[in-house]
C-alpha atoms as a PDB file:
ATOM      1  CA  UNK A   1      -7.295   0.431 -20.600  1.00  0.00           C
ATOM      2  CA  UNK A   2      -4.370   2.768 -19.939  1.00  0.00           C
ATOM      3  CA  UNK A   3      -2.692   3.357 -16.600  1.00  0.00           C
ATOM      4  CA  UNK A   4      -4.041   6.461 -14.886  1.00  0.00           C
ATOM      5  CA  UNK A   5      -0.560   8.063 -14.893  1.00  0.00           C
ATOM      6  CA  UNK A   6      -0.396   7.686 -18.675  1.00  0.00           C
ATOM      7  CA  UNK A   7      -3.843   9.254 -19.074  1.00  0.00           C
ATOM      8  CA  UNK A   8      -2.872  12.264 -16.940  1.00  0.00           C
ATOM      9  CA  UNK A   9       0.464  12.614 -18.750  1.00  0.00           C
ATOM     10  CA  UNK A  10      -1.250  12.584 -22.143  1.00  0.00           C
ATOM     11  CA  UNK A  11      -3.841  15.167 -21.070  1.00  0.00           C
ATOM     12  CA  UNK A  12      -1.178  17.442 -19.554  1.00  0.00           C
ATOM     13  CA  UNK A  13       1.298  17.016 -22.407  1.00  0.00           C
ATOM     14  CA  UNK A  14       4.091  15.636 -20.206  1.00  0.00           C
ATOM     15  CA  UNK A  15       5.989  12.368 -19.848  1.00  0.00           C
ATOM     16  CA  UNK A  16       5.664   9.998 -16.917  1.00  0.00           C
ATOM     17  CA  UNK A  17       8.873  10.163 -14.889  1.00  0.00           C
ATOM     18  CA  UNK A  18      10.038   8.828 -11.555  1.00  0.00           C
ATOM     19  CA  UNK A  19       8.954  11.276  -8.845  1.00  0.00           C
ATOM     20  CA  UNK A  20      11.179  12.741  -6.170  1.00  0.00           C
ATOM     21  CA  UNK A  21       9.649  12.095  -2.777  1.00  0.00           C
ATOM     22  CA  UNK A  22      10.396  14.064   0.371  1.00  0.00           C
ATOM     23  CA  UNK A  23      10.767  12.065   3.568  1.00  0.00           C
ATOM     24  CA  UNK A  24      11.302  13.062   7.191  1.00  0.00           C
ATOM     25  CA  UNK A  25      12.997  10.948   9.849  1.00  0.00           C
ATOM     26  CA  UNK A  26      10.795   9.450  12.538  1.00  0.00           C
ATOM     27  CA  UNK A  27      12.307   7.847  15.652  1.00  0.00           C
ATOM     28  CA  UNK A  28      11.300   4.527  17.155  1.00  0.00           C
ATOM     29  CA  UNK A  29      11.309   2.288  14.094  1.00  0.00           C
ATOM     30  CA  UNK A  30      12.465  -1.293  14.576  1.00  0.00           C
ATOM     31  CA  UNK A  31      15.561  -2.367  12.647  1.00  0.00           C
ATOM     32  CA  UNK A  32      13.928  -5.102  10.586  1.00  0.00           C
ATOM     33  CA  UNK A  33      10.262  -4.640   9.643  1.00  0.00           C
ATOM     34  CA  UNK A  34       7.497  -4.751   7.073  1.00  0.00           C
ATOM     35  CA  UNK A  35       4.600  -2.298   6.924  1.00  0.00           C
ATOM     36  CA  UNK A  36       0.896  -2.903   6.684  1.00  0.00           C
ATOM     37  CA  UNK A  37      -1.847  -0.339   6.122  1.00  0.00           C
ATOM     38  CA  UNK A  38      -5.405  -1.443   6.854  1.00  0.00           C
ATOM     39  CA  UNK A  39      -7.280   1.671   5.808  1.00  0.00           C
ATOM     40  CA  UNK A  40      -8.706   2.640   2.509  1.00  0.00           C
ATOM     41  CA  UNK A  41     -10.921   5.659   1.928  1.00  0.00           C
ATOM     42  CA  UNK A  42     -12.690   3.826  -0.871  1.00  0.00           C
ATOM     43  CA  UNK A  43     -15.655   2.032   0.685  1.00  0.00           C
ATOM     44  CA  UNK A  44     -15.906  -0.557  -2.063  1.00  0.00           C
ATOM     45  CA  UNK A  45     -12.340  -1.677  -1.342  1.00  0.00           C
ATOM     46  CA  UNK A  46     -12.839  -2.304   2.383  1.00  0.00           C
ATOM     47  CA  UNK A  47     -11.120  -5.525   3.499  1.00  0.00           C
ATOM     48  CA  UNK A  48     -12.282  -7.273   6.660  1.00  0.00           C
ATOM     49  CA  UNK A  49      -9.700 -10.004   7.137  1.00  0.00           C
ATOM     50  CA  UNK A  50      -6.504  -8.209   8.184  1.00  0.00           C
ATOM     51  CA  UNK A  51      -6.137 -10.176  11.422  1.00  0.00           C
ATOM     52  CA  UNK A  52      -6.283 -13.438   9.467  1.00  0.00           C
ATOM     53  CA  UNK A  53      -3.594 -12.137   7.096  1.00  0.00           C
ATOM     54  CA  UNK A  54      -1.417 -11.226  10.074  1.00  0.00           C
ATOM     55  CA  UNK A  55      -1.958 -14.613  11.745  1.00  0.00           C
ATOM     56  CA  UNK A  56      -0.795 -16.326   8.545  1.00  0.00           C
ATOM     57  CA  UNK A  57       2.291 -14.108   8.351  1.00  0.00           C
ATOM     58  CA  UNK A  58       3.223 -14.262  12.040  1.00  0.00           C
ATOM     59  CA  UNK A  59       5.101 -17.591  12.072  1.00  0.00           C
ATOM     60  CA  UNK A  60       7.288 -16.518   9.139  1.00  0.00           C
ATOM     61  CA  UNK A  61       7.891 -13.049  10.589  1.00  0.00           C
ATOM     62  CA  UNK A  62       8.874 -14.439  13.989  1.00  0.00           C
ATOM     63  CA  UNK A  63      11.178 -17.044  12.433  1.00  0.00           C
ATOM     64  CA  UNK A  64      12.936 -14.325  10.389  1.00  0.00           C
ATOM     65  CA  UNK A  65      12.931 -11.824  13.286  1.00  0.00           C
ATOM     66  CA  UNK A  66      10.871  -9.333  11.266  1.00  0.00           C
ATOM     67  CA  UNK A  67       8.578  -6.845  13.002  1.00  0.00           C
ATOM     68  CA  UNK A  68       5.169  -5.792  11.738  1.00  0.00           C
ATOM     69  CA  UNK A  69       4.638  -2.026  11.681  1.00  0.00           C
ATOM     70  CA  UNK A  70       1.147  -0.669  11.118  1.00  0.00           C
ATOM     71  CA  UNK A  71       0.906   2.713   9.405  1.00  0.00           C
ATOM     72  CA  UNK A  72      -2.144   4.815   8.625  1.00  0.00           C
ATOM     73  CA  UNK A  73      -4.428   7.032  10.708  1.00  0.00           C
ATOM     74  CA  UNK A  74      -5.935   6.797  14.224  1.00  0.00           C
ATOM     75  CA  UNK A  75      -9.314   5.938  12.633  1.00  0.00           C
ATOM     76  CA  UNK A  76      -7.951   2.800  10.935  1.00  0.00           C
ATOM     77  CA  UNK A  77      -8.695  -0.740  11.969  1.00  0.00           C
ATOM     78  CA  UNK A  78      -6.131  -1.556  14.676  1.00  0.00           C
ATOM     79  CA  UNK A  79      -4.297  -4.841  14.189  1.00  0.00           C
ATOM     80  CA  UNK A  80      -4.095  -7.062  17.257  1.00  0.00           C
ATOM     81  CA  UNK A  81      -0.560  -8.304  16.623  1.00  0.00           C
ATOM     82  CA  UNK A  82       1.356  -5.336  15.221  1.00  0.00           C
ATOM     83  CA  UNK A  83       4.740  -4.836  16.898  1.00  0.00           C
ATOM     84  CA  UNK A  84       4.530  -1.060  16.420  1.00  0.00           C
ATOM     85  CA  UNK A  85       1.958   1.443  15.203  1.00  0.00           C
ATOM     86  CA  UNK A  86       2.559   4.788  13.543  1.00  0.00           C
ATOM     87  CA  UNK A  87      -0.965   6.117  13.072  1.00  0.00           C
ATOM     88  CA  UNK A  88      -0.449   9.858  13.530  1.00  0.00           C
ATOM     89  CA  UNK A  89       2.396  10.553  11.137  1.00  0.00           C
ATOM     90  CA  UNK A  90       2.739  13.156   8.432  1.00  0.00           C
ATOM     91  CA  UNK A  91       2.921  11.995   4.828  1.00  0.00           C
ATOM     92  CA  UNK A  92       6.650  12.759   4.786  1.00  0.00           C
ATOM     93  CA  UNK A  93       7.193  10.616   7.897  1.00  0.00           C
ATOM     94  CA  UNK A  94       5.136   7.855   6.314  1.00  0.00           C
ATOM     95  CA  UNK A  95       7.379   8.097   3.242  1.00  0.00           C
ATOM     96  CA  UNK A  96      10.411   7.622   5.502  1.00  0.00           C
ATOM     97  CA  UNK A  97       8.863   4.561   7.168  1.00  0.00           C
ATOM     98  CA  UNK A  98       7.996   3.024   3.797  1.00  0.00           C
ATOM     99  CA  UNK A  99      11.487   3.703   2.440  1.00  0.00           C
ATOM    100  CA  UNK A 100      12.993   1.690   5.334  1.00  0.00           C
ATOM    101  CA  UNK A 101      10.496  -1.183   5.136  1.00  0.00           C
ATOM    102  CA  UNK A 102      11.470  -4.648   3.842  1.00  0.00           C
ATOM    103  CA  UNK A 103       7.994  -5.024   2.287  1.00  0.00           C
ATOM    104  CA  UNK A 104       4.535  -3.456   2.340  1.00  0.00           C
ATOM    105  CA  UNK A 105       1.001  -4.860   2.391  1.00  0.00           C
ATOM    106  CA  UNK A 106      -2.015  -2.656   1.777  1.00  0.00           C
ATOM    107  CA  UNK A 107      -4.651  -1.274  -0.526  1.00  0.00           C
ATOM    108  CA  UNK A 108      -4.213   0.530  -3.804  1.00  0.00           C
ATOM    109  CA  UNK A 109      -3.268   3.955  -2.495  1.00  0.00           C
ATOM    110  CA  UNK A 110      -0.391   6.423  -2.318  1.00  0.00           C
ATOM    111  CA  UNK A 111       1.646   4.046  -0.121  1.00  0.00           C
ATOM    112  CA  UNK A 112       1.852   1.508  -2.954  1.00  0.00           C
ATOM    113  CA  UNK A 113       3.203   4.213  -5.269  1.00  0.00           C
ATOM    114  CA  UNK A 114       5.733   5.402  -2.666  1.00  0.00           C
ATOM    115  CA  UNK A 115       6.944   1.816  -2.207  1.00  0.00           C
ATOM    116  CA  UNK A 116       7.274   1.606  -5.975  1.00  0.00           C
ATOM    117  CA  UNK A 117       9.614   4.604  -6.015  1.00  0.00           C
ATOM    118  CA  UNK A 118      11.808   3.046  -3.301  1.00  0.00           C
ATOM    119  CA  UNK A 119      11.683  -0.473  -4.838  1.00  0.00           C
ATOM    120  CA  UNK A 120      10.062  -1.849  -1.689  1.00  0.00           C
ATOM    121  CA  UNK A 121       8.322  -5.162  -2.482  1.00  0.00           C
ATOM    122  CA  UNK A 122       4.551  -4.760  -2.116  1.00  0.00           C
ATOM    123  CA  UNK A 123       1.393  -6.806  -2.096  1.00  0.00           C
ATOM    124  CA  UNK A 124      -1.518  -4.582  -3.040  1.00  0.00           C
ATOM    125  CA  UNK A 125      -5.227  -5.396  -2.732  1.00  0.00           C
ATOM    126  CA  UNK A 126      -7.617  -4.082  -5.393  1.00  0.00           C
ATOM    127  CA  UNK A 127     -11.375  -4.206  -5.015  1.00  0.00           C
ATOM    128  CA  UNK A 128     -13.181  -1.681  -7.166  1.00  0.00           C
ATOM    129  CA  UNK A 129     -10.836  -1.039 -10.084  1.00  0.00           C
ATOM    130  CA  UNK A 130      -8.711  -2.983 -12.550  1.00  0.00           C
ATOM    131  CA  UNK A 131      -5.235  -3.356 -11.063  1.00  0.00           C
ATOM    132  CA  UNK A 132      -3.529  -2.535 -14.383  1.00  0.00           C
ATOM    133  CA  UNK A 133      -5.035   0.988 -14.233  1.00  0.00           C
ATOM    134  CA  UNK A 134      -3.377   2.070 -10.993  1.00  0.00           C
ATOM    135  CA  UNK A 135      -0.701  -0.509 -10.144  1.00  0.00           C
ATOM    136  CA  UNK A 136       2.688   0.808  -8.998  1.00  0.00           C
ATOM    137  CA  UNK A 137       4.750   1.733 -12.064  1.00  0.00           C
ATOM    138  CA  UNK A 138       8.075   3.015 -10.746  1.00  0.00           C
ATOM    139  CA  UNK A 139       9.558  -0.269  -9.518  1.00  0.00           C
ATOM    140  CA  UNK A 140      12.875  -0.964 -11.209  1.00  0.00           C
ATOM    141  CA  UNK A 141      12.805  -4.527  -9.910  1.00  0.00           C
ATOM    142  CA  UNK A 142       9.037  -5.002 -10.502  1.00  0.00           C
ATOM    143  CA  UNK A 143       8.492  -5.982  -6.861  1.00  0.00           C
ATOM    144  CA  UNK A 144       4.753  -5.475  -6.688  1.00  0.00           C
ATOM    145  CA  UNK A 145       2.086  -8.173  -6.545  1.00  0.00           C
ATOM    146  CA  UNK A 146      -1.563  -7.397  -7.149  1.00  0.00           C
ATOM    147  CA  UNK A 147      -4.427  -9.248  -5.518  1.00  0.00           C
ATOM    148  CA  UNK A 148      -7.598  -8.493  -7.385  1.00  0.00           C
ATOM    149  CA  UNK A 149     -11.096  -9.775  -7.879  1.00  0.00           C
ATOM    150  CA  UNK A 150     -11.686 -11.933 -10.948  1.00  0.00           C
ATOM    151  CA  UNK A 151     -13.490  -9.463 -13.198  1.00  0.00           C
ATOM    152  CA  UNK A 152     -14.169 -11.940 -16.023  1.00  0.00           C
ATOM    153  CA  UNK A 153     -17.876 -12.118 -15.128  1.00  0.00           C
ATOM    154  CA  UNK A 154     -18.430  -9.127 -12.846  1.00  0.00           C
ATOM    155  CA  UNK A 155     -17.059  -5.696 -13.641  1.00  0.00           C
ATOM    156  CA  UNK A 156     -15.520  -3.368 -11.033  1.00  0.00           C
ATOM    157  CA  UNK A 157     -17.698  -0.642  -9.582  1.00  0.00           C
ATOM    158  CA  UNK A 158     -15.141   2.217  -9.865  1.00  0.00           C
ATOM    159  CA  UNK A 159     -17.268   3.653  -7.041  1.00  0.00           C
ATOM    160  CA  UNK A 160     -15.515   5.753  -4.406  1.00  0.00           C
ATOM    161  CA  UNK A 161     -18.688   6.377  -2.370  1.00  0.00           C
ATOM    162  CA  UNK A 162     -18.227   5.223   1.246  1.00  0.00           C
ATOM    163  CA  UNK A 163     -21.975   4.842   1.806  1.00  0.00           C
ATOM    164  CA  UNK A 164     -22.622   2.219  -0.862  1.00  0.00           C
END
């Protein structure tokens, strides 16, 4: 299966190229941080174990003096141990935060693509789609890891319905 960007490019008669992203400064960011985004508008990709992920990361982050910054929206699941939260930002401010981040953890969404443009290492969770169809493609250093369900016996739903 082709990457979604290649499908769109073929249908539109254009080539896939590295995008130019606009970012706006936002004050209050720590000097040394990684970002995490707990939300995903795709119901089938909902992940319930963010606090466990954070508890596993905490010892390493503290040892390296790295802060955890949560980004997203006010409706997102709030992490207990985030050092800072930016949940009411514009997309351009979010782009700025991601561009300054040492790494990003989140779902397959626009943030993973933005990190790809800025070569920010990412760990992306996939739940309802094959990772090779939407994985970040702009990384020069290929700094993106995909965590996906084993689809050898069960196929992804491709369902974006929140009620199912």
